[in-house]
Amino acid sequence: MWAVTTPLFFVDYTYDDAGNKTSVEEHSGRYVEYTYDELYRLTQ
């Protein structure tokens, strides 16, 4: 027997070619963007 349910929460991540997380979008609509310098250090 299978049950179909709706997720209570989701988070969507995006990454750049170096594997750094560049953004996060939450189910609530909250969106956070990350930036890195040329040495891949988080700047914002």
PDB file of N, CA and C in Angstrom:
ATOM      1  N   MET A   1       0.845  -1.169   0.000  1.00  0.00           N
ATOM      2  CA  MET A   1       0.000   0.000   0.000  1.00  0.00           C
ATOM      3  C   MET A   1       0.899   1.242   0.000  1.00  0.00           C
ATOM      4  N   TRP A   2       0.561   2.227  -0.827  1.00  0.00           N
ATOM      5  CA  TRP A   2       1.324   3.467  -0.944  1.00  0.00           C
ATOM      6  C   TRP A   2       0.489   4.634  -0.448  1.00  0.00           C
ATOM      7  N   ALA A   3       1.149   5.586   0.165  1.00  0.00           N
ATOM      8  CA  ALA A   3       0.475   6.808   0.601  1.00  0.00           C
ATOM      9  C   ALA A   3       1.120   7.992  -0.115  1.00  0.00           C
ATOM     10  N   VAL A   4       0.316   8.886  -0.604  1.00  0.00           N
ATOM     11  CA  VAL A   4       0.818  10.095  -1.244  1.00  0.00           C
ATOM     12  C   VAL A   4       0.691  11.223  -0.239  1.00  0.00           C
ATOM     13  N   THR A   5       1.824  11.865   0.036  1.00  0.00           N
ATOM     14  CA  THR A   5       1.817  12.954   1.010  1.00  0.00           C
ATOM     15  C   THR A   5       2.495  14.181   0.424  1.00  0.00           C
ATOM     16  N   THR A   6       2.242  15.298   1.017  1.00  0.00           N
ATOM     17  CA  THR A   6       2.874  16.553   0.634  1.00  0.00           C
ATOM     18  C   THR A   6       3.995  16.849   1.619  1.00  0.00           C
ATOM     19  N   PRO A   7       5.186  17.174   1.127  1.00  0.00           N
ATOM     20  CA  PRO A   7       6.281  17.495   2.049  1.00  0.00           C
ATOM     21  C   PRO A   7       5.920  18.701   2.917  1.00  0.00           C
ATOM     22  N   LEU A   8       6.365  18.665   4.150  1.00  0.00           N
ATOM     23  CA  LEU A   8       6.112  19.781   5.054  1.00  0.00           C
ATOM     24  C   LEU A   8       7.078  20.933   4.813  1.00  0.00           C
ATOM     25  N   PHE A   9       8.247  20.622   4.279  1.00  0.00           N
ATOM     26  CA  PHE A   9       9.284  21.632   4.137  1.00  0.00           C
ATOM     27  C   PHE A   9      10.250  21.179   3.047  1.00  0.00           C
ATOM     28  N   PHE A  10      10.784  22.125   2.285  1.00  0.00           N
ATOM     29  CA  PHE A  10      11.847  21.779   1.350  1.00  0.00           C
ATOM     30  C   PHE A  10      12.876  22.890   1.332  1.00  0.00           C
ATOM     31  N   VAL A  11      14.084  22.534   0.962  1.00  0.00           N
ATOM     32  CA  VAL A  11      15.178  23.486   0.818  1.00  0.00           C
ATOM     33  C   VAL A  11      15.873  23.154  -0.496  1.00  0.00           C
ATOM     34  N   ASP A  12      16.124  24.183  -1.312  1.00  0.00           N
ATOM     35  CA  ASP A  12      16.784  24.001  -2.601  1.00  0.00           C
ATOM     36  C   ASP A  12      18.136  24.705  -2.561  1.00  0.00           C
ATOM     37  N   TYR A  13      19.211  23.968  -2.811  1.00  0.00           N
ATOM     38  CA  TYR A  13      20.562  24.517  -2.799  1.00  0.00           C
ATOM     39  C   TYR A  13      21.088  24.591  -4.224  1.00  0.00           C
ATOM     40  N   THR A  14      21.892  25.629  -4.520  1.00  0.00           N
ATOM     41  CA  THR A  14      22.636  25.678  -5.775  1.00  0.00           C
ATOM     42  C   THR A  14      24.110  25.859  -5.440  1.00  0.00           C
ATOM     43  N   TYR A  15      24.963  25.313  -6.319  1.00  0.00           N
ATOM     44  CA  TYR A  15      26.409  25.321  -6.099  1.00  0.00           C
ATOM     45  C   TYR A  15      27.116  25.807  -7.357  1.00  0.00           C
ATOM     46  N   ASP A  16      28.304  26.405  -7.169  1.00  0.00           N
ATOM     47  CA  ASP A  16      29.107  26.802  -8.324  1.00  0.00           C
ATOM     48  C   ASP A  16      29.983  25.624  -8.762  1.00  0.00           C
ATOM     49  N   ASP A  17      30.808  25.839  -9.780  1.00  0.00           N
ATOM     50  CA  ASP A  17      31.645  24.762 -10.323  1.00  0.00           C
ATOM     51  C   ASP A  17      32.687  24.257  -9.328  1.00  0.00           C
ATOM     52  N   ALA A  18      33.051  25.086  -8.347  1.00  0.00           N
ATOM     53  CA  ALA A  18      34.031  24.690  -7.330  1.00  0.00           C
ATOM     54  C   ALA A  18      33.381  23.934  -6.173  1.00  0.00           C
ATOM     55  N   GLY A  19      32.056  23.821  -6.189  1.00  0.00           N
ATOM     56  CA  GLY A  19      31.352  23.117  -5.124  1.00  0.00           C
ATOM     57  C   GLY A  19      30.911  23.999  -3.978  1.00  0.00           C
ATOM     58  N   ASN A  20      31.065  25.307  -4.131  1.00  0.00           N
ATOM     59  CA  ASN A  20      30.619  26.243  -3.099  1.00  0.00           C
ATOM     60  C   ASN A  20      29.119  26.474  -3.209  1.00  0.00           C
ATOM     61  N   LYS A  21      28.461  26.513  -2.078  1.00  0.00           N
ATOM     62  CA  LYS A  21      27.025  26.803  -2.068  1.00  0.00           C
ATOM     63  C   LYS A  21      26.827  28.260  -2.468  1.00  0.00           C
ATOM     64  N   THR A  22      26.005  28.510  -3.491  1.00  0.00           N
ATOM     65  CA  THR A  22      25.794  29.877  -3.958  1.00  0.00           C
ATOM     66  C   THR A  22      24.437  30.440  -3.564  1.00  0.00           C
ATOM     67  N   SER A  23      23.461  29.559  -3.282  1.00  0.00           N
ATOM     68  CA  SER A  23      22.162  30.058  -2.833  1.00  0.00           C
ATOM     69  C   SER A  23      21.381  28.962  -2.129  1.00  0.00           C
ATOM     70  N   VAL A  24      20.452  29.416  -1.302  1.00  0.00           N
ATOM     71  CA  VAL A  24      19.538  28.527  -0.589  1.00  0.00           C
ATOM     72  C   VAL A  24      18.152  29.138  -0.704  1.00  0.00           C
ATOM     73  N   GLU A  25      17.186  28.343  -1.118  1.00  0.00           N
ATOM     74  CA  GLU A  25      15.796  28.794  -1.159  1.00  0.00           C
ATOM     75  C   GLU A  25      14.964  27.848  -0.304  1.00  0.00           C
ATOM     76  N   GLU A  26      14.242  28.428   0.653  1.00  0.00           N
ATOM     77  CA  GLU A  26      13.424  27.635   1.557  1.00  0.00           C
ATOM     78  C   GLU A  26      11.968  27.631   1.113  1.00  0.00           C
ATOM     79  N   HIS A  27      11.237  26.673   1.603  1.00  0.00           N
ATOM     80  CA  HIS A  27       9.812  26.519   1.316  1.00  0.00           C
ATOM     81  C   HIS A  27       9.035  27.802   1.623  1.00  0.00           C
ATOM     82  N   SER A  28       9.469  28.511   2.656  1.00  0.00           N
ATOM     83  CA  SER A  28       8.787  29.731   3.091  1.00  0.00           C
ATOM     84  C   SER A  28       8.978  30.893   2.119  1.00  0.00           C
ATOM     85  N   GLY A  29       9.906  30.730   1.146  1.00  0.00           N
ATOM     86  CA  GLY A  29      10.198  31.804   0.209  1.00  0.00           C
ATOM     87  C   GLY A  29      11.469  32.550   0.554  1.00  0.00           C
ATOM     88  N   ARG A  30      12.039  32.262   1.707  1.00  0.00           N
ATOM     89  CA  ARG A  30      13.302  32.904   2.105  1.00  0.00           C
ATOM     90  C   ARG A  30      14.390  32.481   1.125  1.00  0.00           C
ATOM     91  N   TYR A  31      15.168  33.456   0.645  1.00  0.00           N
ATOM     92  CA  TYR A  31      16.219  33.203  -0.334  1.00  0.00           C
ATOM     93  C   TYR A  31      17.501  33.843   0.159  1.00  0.00           C
ATOM     94  N   VAL A  32      18.574  33.074   0.222  1.00  0.00           N
ATOM     95  CA  VAL A  32      19.871  33.578   0.676  1.00  0.00           C
ATOM     96  C   VAL A  32      20.889  33.302  -0.421  1.00  0.00           C
ATOM     97  N   GLU A  33      21.699  34.307  -0.729  1.00  0.00           N
ATOM     98  CA  GLU A  33      22.719  34.166  -1.753  1.00  0.00           C
ATOM     99  C   GLU A  33      24.092  34.305  -1.109  1.00  0.00           C
ATOM    100  N   TYR A  34      25.049  33.510  -1.552  1.00  0.00           N
ATOM    101  CA  TYR A  34      26.409  33.535  -1.031  1.00  0.00           C
ATOM    102  C   TYR A  34      27.355  33.938  -2.149  1.00  0.00           C
ATOM    103  N   THR A  35      28.371  34.741  -1.819  1.00  0.00           N
ATOM    104  CA  THR A  35      29.385  35.120  -2.804  1.00  0.00           C
ATOM    105  C   THR A  35      30.765  34.796  -2.239  1.00  0.00           C
ATOM    106  N   TYR A  36      31.704  34.560  -3.141  1.00  0.00           N
ATOM    107  CA  TYR A  36      33.054  34.143  -2.778  1.00  0.00           C
ATOM    108  C   TYR A  36      34.064  34.993  -3.531  1.00  0.00           C
ATOM    109  N   ASP A  37      35.243  35.165  -2.926  1.00  0.00           N
ATOM    110  CA  ASP A  37      36.305  35.887  -3.623  1.00  0.00           C
ATOM    111  C   ASP A  37      37.062  34.918  -4.535  1.00  0.00           C
ATOM    112  N   GLU A  38      38.133  35.411  -5.170  1.00  0.00           N
ATOM    113  CA  GLU A  38      38.863  34.593  -6.141  1.00  0.00           C
ATOM    114  C   GLU A  38      39.599  33.409  -5.508  1.00  0.00           C
ATOM    115  N   LEU A  39      39.747  33.426  -4.167  1.00  0.00           N
ATOM    116  CA  LEU A  39      40.350  32.291  -3.458  1.00  0.00           C
ATOM    117  C   LEU A  39      39.289  31.387  -2.837  1.00  0.00           C
ATOM    118  N   TYR A  40      38.049  31.567  -3.259  1.00  0.00           N
ATOM    119  CA  TYR A  40      36.897  30.764  -2.819  1.00  0.00           C
ATOM    120  C   TYR A  40      36.577  30.943  -1.337  1.00  0.00           C
ATOM    121  N   ARG A  41      36.893  32.120  -0.805  1.00  0.00           N
ATOM    122  CA  ARG A  41      36.526  32.421   0.584  1.00  0.00           C
ATOM    123  C   ARG A  41      35.174  33.124   0.582  1.00  0.00           C
ATOM    124  N   LEU A  42      34.333  32.726   1.498  1.00  0.00           N
ATOM    125  CA  LEU A  42      33.004  33.326   1.606  1.00  0.00           C
ATOM    126  C   LEU A  42      33.135  34.800   1.946  1.00  0.00           C
ATOM    127  N   THR A  43      32.504  35.657   1.150  1.00  0.00           N
ATOM    128  CA  THR A  43      32.582  37.096   1.395  1.00  0.00           C
ATOM    129  C   THR A  43      31.245  37.681   1.812  1.00  0.00           C
ATOM    130  N   GLN A  44      30.170  37.027   1.463  1.00  0.00           N
ATOM    131  CA  GLN A  44      28.851  37.564   1.807  1.00  0.00           C
ATOM    132  C   GLN A  44      27.810  36.485   1.815  1.00  0.00           C
TER     133      GLN A  44
END
